[in-house]
C-alpha atoms as a PDB file:
ATOM      1  CA  MET A   1       9.263   8.647  -7.927  1.00  0.00           C
ATOM      2  CA  ARG A   2       7.891   5.355  -9.243  1.00  0.00           C
ATOM      3  CA  ILE A   3      10.419   2.519  -8.981  1.00  0.00           C
ATOM      4  CA  GLY A   4      10.225  -0.753 -10.884  1.00  0.00           C
ATOM      5  CA  ILE A   5      12.263  -3.861 -10.219  1.00  0.00           C
ATOM      6  CA  ILE A   6      12.384  -6.441 -12.978  1.00  0.00           C
ATOM      7  CA  GLY A   7      13.414  -9.811 -11.580  1.00  0.00           C
ATOM      8  CA  ALA A   8      12.218  -8.884  -8.089  1.00  0.00           C
ATOM      9  CA  THR A   9      11.993 -12.461  -6.791  1.00  0.00           C
ATOM     10  CA  GLY A  10      15.573 -13.435  -7.619  1.00  0.00           C
ATOM     11  CA  LEU A  11      18.617 -12.935  -5.408  1.00  0.00           C
ATOM     12  CA  VAL A  12      19.743  -9.693  -7.073  1.00  0.00           C
ATOM     13  CA  GLY A  13      16.216  -8.273  -7.168  1.00  0.00           C
ATOM     14  CA  ARG A  14      15.584  -9.041  -3.493  1.00  0.00           C
ATOM     15  CA  THR A  15      18.964  -7.572  -2.545  1.00  0.00           C
ATOM     16  CA  THR A  16      18.113  -4.414  -4.502  1.00  0.00           C
ATOM     17  CA  LEU A  17      14.829  -4.154  -2.589  1.00  0.00           C
ATOM     18  CA  LYS A  18      16.619  -4.610   0.721  1.00  0.00           C
ATOM     19  CA  ILE A  19      19.128  -1.845  -0.080  1.00  0.00           C
ATOM     20  CA  LEU A  20      16.392   0.551  -1.249  1.00  0.00           C
ATOM     21  CA  GLU A  21      14.497  -0.045   1.986  1.00  0.00           C
ATOM     22  CA  GLU A  22      17.554   0.213   4.260  1.00  0.00           C
ATOM     23  CA  ARG A  23      18.614   3.493   2.675  1.00  0.00           C
ATOM     24  CA  GLY A  24      15.147   5.012   2.668  1.00  0.00           C
ATOM     25  CA  PHE A  25      14.992   5.458  -1.093  1.00  0.00           C
ATOM     26  CA  PRO A  26      12.128   7.888  -1.860  1.00  0.00           C
ATOM     27  CA  ALA A  27       9.787   5.631  -3.819  1.00  0.00           C
ATOM     28  CA  SER A  28       6.236   6.938  -4.146  1.00  0.00           C
ATOM     29  CA  GLU A  29       5.273   3.651  -5.766  1.00  0.00           C
ATOM     30  CA  LEU A  30       7.021   0.303  -6.132  1.00  0.00           C
ATOM     31  CA  ILE A  31       6.236  -2.000  -9.048  1.00  0.00           C
ATOM     32  CA  LEU A  32       7.687  -5.512  -8.916  1.00  0.00           C
ATOM     33  CA  PHE A  33       8.028  -7.717 -11.977  1.00  0.00           C
ATOM     34  CA  ALA A  34       9.098 -11.333 -12.303  1.00  0.00           C
ATOM     35  CA  SER A  35       8.335 -14.405 -14.366  1.00  0.00           C
ATOM     36  CA  GLN A  36       4.805 -15.683 -14.814  1.00  0.00           C
ATOM     37  CA  ARG A  37       5.686 -18.417 -12.310  1.00  0.00           C
ATOM     38  CA  SER A  38       6.333 -15.829  -9.572  1.00  0.00           C
ATOM     39  CA  ALA A  39       3.382 -13.572 -10.403  1.00  0.00           C
ATOM     40  CA  GLY A  40       1.090 -13.063  -7.434  1.00  0.00           C
ATOM     41  CA  GLU A  41       3.838 -13.572  -4.872  1.00  0.00           C
ATOM     42  CA  LYS A  42       3.949 -10.848  -2.214  1.00  0.00           C
ATOM     43  CA  ILE A  43       7.207  -9.289  -1.076  1.00  0.00           C
ATOM     44  CA  PRO A  44       7.511  -7.098   2.039  1.00  0.00           C
ATOM     45  CA  PHE A  45       8.715  -3.515   1.567  1.00  0.00           C
ATOM     46  CA  LYS A  46       8.512  -0.676   4.114  1.00  0.00           C
ATOM     47  CA  GLY A  47       5.894  -2.413   6.237  1.00  0.00           C
ATOM     48  CA  SER A  48       3.542  -3.477   3.458  1.00  0.00           C
ATOM     49  CA  GLN A  49       3.246  -6.349   1.012  1.00  0.00           C
ATOM     50  CA  VAL A  50       3.843  -5.610  -2.677  1.00  0.00           C
ATOM     51  CA  GLU A  51       2.415  -8.040  -5.206  1.00  0.00           C
ATOM     52  CA  VAL A  52       4.676  -9.255  -8.008  1.00  0.00           C
ATOM     53  CA  MET A  53       3.343  -8.845 -11.551  1.00  0.00           C
ATOM     54  CA  PRO A  54       4.373 -10.626 -14.725  1.00  0.00           C
ATOM     55  CA  ILE A  55       6.241  -8.434 -17.203  1.00  0.00           C
ATOM     56  CA  SER A  56       3.844  -6.921 -19.729  1.00  0.00           C
ATOM     57  CA  ASP A  57       4.153  -5.146 -23.058  1.00  0.00           C
ATOM     58  CA  ASN A  58       3.817  -1.720 -21.460  1.00  0.00           C
ATOM     59  CA  TRP A  59       6.165  -2.322 -18.522  1.00  0.00           C
ATOM     60  CA  ASP A  60       8.270   0.727 -19.401  1.00  0.00           C
ATOM     61  CA  LEU A  61       5.348   3.117 -18.828  1.00  0.00           C
ATOM     62  CA  LEU A  62       4.757   2.054 -15.231  1.00  0.00           C
ATOM     63  CA  ALA A  63       7.793   3.558 -13.468  1.00  0.00           C
ATOM     64  CA  ASP A  64      10.342   6.360 -13.677  1.00  0.00           C
ATOM     65  CA  ILE A  65      13.380   4.222 -12.819  1.00  0.00           C
ATOM     66  CA  PHE A  66      13.817   0.486 -13.318  1.00  0.00           C
ATOM     67  CA  PHE A  67      16.363  -1.858 -11.807  1.00  0.00           C
ATOM     68  CA  CYS A  68      16.697  -4.794 -14.195  1.00  0.00           C
ATOM     69  CA  SER A  69      17.910  -7.827 -12.247  1.00  0.00           C
ATOM     70  CA  VAL A  70      17.438 -10.689 -14.678  1.00  0.00           C
ATOM     71  CA  ALA A  71      19.621 -13.209 -16.491  1.00  0.00           C
ATOM     72  CA  ASP A  72      21.660 -11.970 -19.448  1.00  0.00           C
ATOM     73  CA  ASP A  73      19.445 -13.591 -22.082  1.00  0.00           C
ATOM     74  CA  VAL A  74      16.298 -12.092 -20.566  1.00  0.00           C
ATOM     75  CA  ALA A  75      17.885  -8.626 -20.332  1.00  0.00           C
ATOM     76  CA  GLN A  76      19.030  -8.895 -23.948  1.00  0.00           C
ATOM     77  CA  GLU A  77      15.522  -9.695 -25.168  1.00  0.00           C
ATOM     78  CA  LEU A  78      13.749  -7.187 -22.935  1.00  0.00           C
ATOM     79  CA  LEU A  79      16.074  -4.206 -23.390  1.00  0.00           C
ATOM     80  CA  LYS A  80      17.630  -4.599 -26.851  1.00  0.00           C
ATOM     81  CA  ASP A  81      15.228  -2.166 -28.528  1.00  0.00           C
ATOM     82  CA  TYR A  82      14.304  -0.089 -25.468  1.00  0.00           C
ATOM     83  CA  LYS A  83      13.433   3.479 -26.409  1.00  0.00           C
ATOM     84  CA  GLY A  84      11.349   4.508 -23.401  1.00  0.00           C
ATOM     85  CA  GLU A  85      11.868   7.551 -21.236  1.00  0.00           C
ATOM     86  CA  ALA A  86      12.334   5.794 -17.899  1.00  0.00           C
ATOM     87  CA  TRP A  87      15.868   5.212 -16.669  1.00  0.00           C
ATOM     88  CA  VAL A  88      16.899   1.558 -16.670  1.00  0.00           C
ATOM     89  CA  ILE A  89      19.745   0.355 -14.491  1.00  0.00           C
ATOM     90  CA  ASP A  90      20.618  -3.045 -15.920  1.00  0.00           C
ATOM     91  CA  LYS A  91      22.563  -5.362 -13.645  1.00  0.00           C
ATOM     92  CA  SER A  92      23.411  -7.883 -16.367  1.00  0.00           C
ATOM     93  CA  LYS A  93      26.613  -7.847 -18.388  1.00  0.00           C
ATOM     94  CA  VAL A  94      24.885  -7.706 -21.776  1.00  0.00           C
ATOM     95  CA  PHE A  95      25.340  -4.009 -22.555  1.00  0.00           C
ATOM     96  CA  ARG A  96      28.553  -3.241 -20.629  1.00  0.00           C
ATOM     97  CA  LEU A  97      30.689  -2.770 -23.736  1.00  0.00           C
ATOM     98  CA  ASP A  98      28.068  -0.970 -25.832  1.00  0.00           C
ATOM     99  CA  PRO A  99      29.488   2.533 -26.502  1.00  0.00           C
ATOM    100  CA  LYS A 100      25.962   4.011 -26.754  1.00  0.00           C
ATOM    101  CA  ILE A 101      25.073   2.969 -23.210  1.00  0.00           C
ATOM    102  CA  PRO A 102      26.783   4.606 -20.220  1.00  0.00           C
ATOM    103  CA  LEU A 103      28.557   2.275 -17.817  1.00  0.00           C
ATOM    104  CA  VAL A 104      27.728   3.220 -14.247  1.00  0.00           C
ATOM    105  CA  VAL A 105      29.946   1.788 -11.540  1.00  0.00           C
END
């Protein structure tokens, strides 16, 4: 299963990575996204270094499940018209009251 983390260099993104690693989440591939400023940074995961990429137009084709760990305004812009097939777990509060989007607690 290909896992993507959007906002991987922030506190919530790094905590998500830590939990996935501690719990042995079965990721066949890990794709890390962050701002252009953080692109190229390397983050340790399961004994290797994973390079952070800037978000691109085709980000939603690169993984099966995404954890979106960005500020509300960024999540709003990135996900407002999302129609892809990958699952997106958004950690912002932007879509919490949207009746078309399931709230997972």
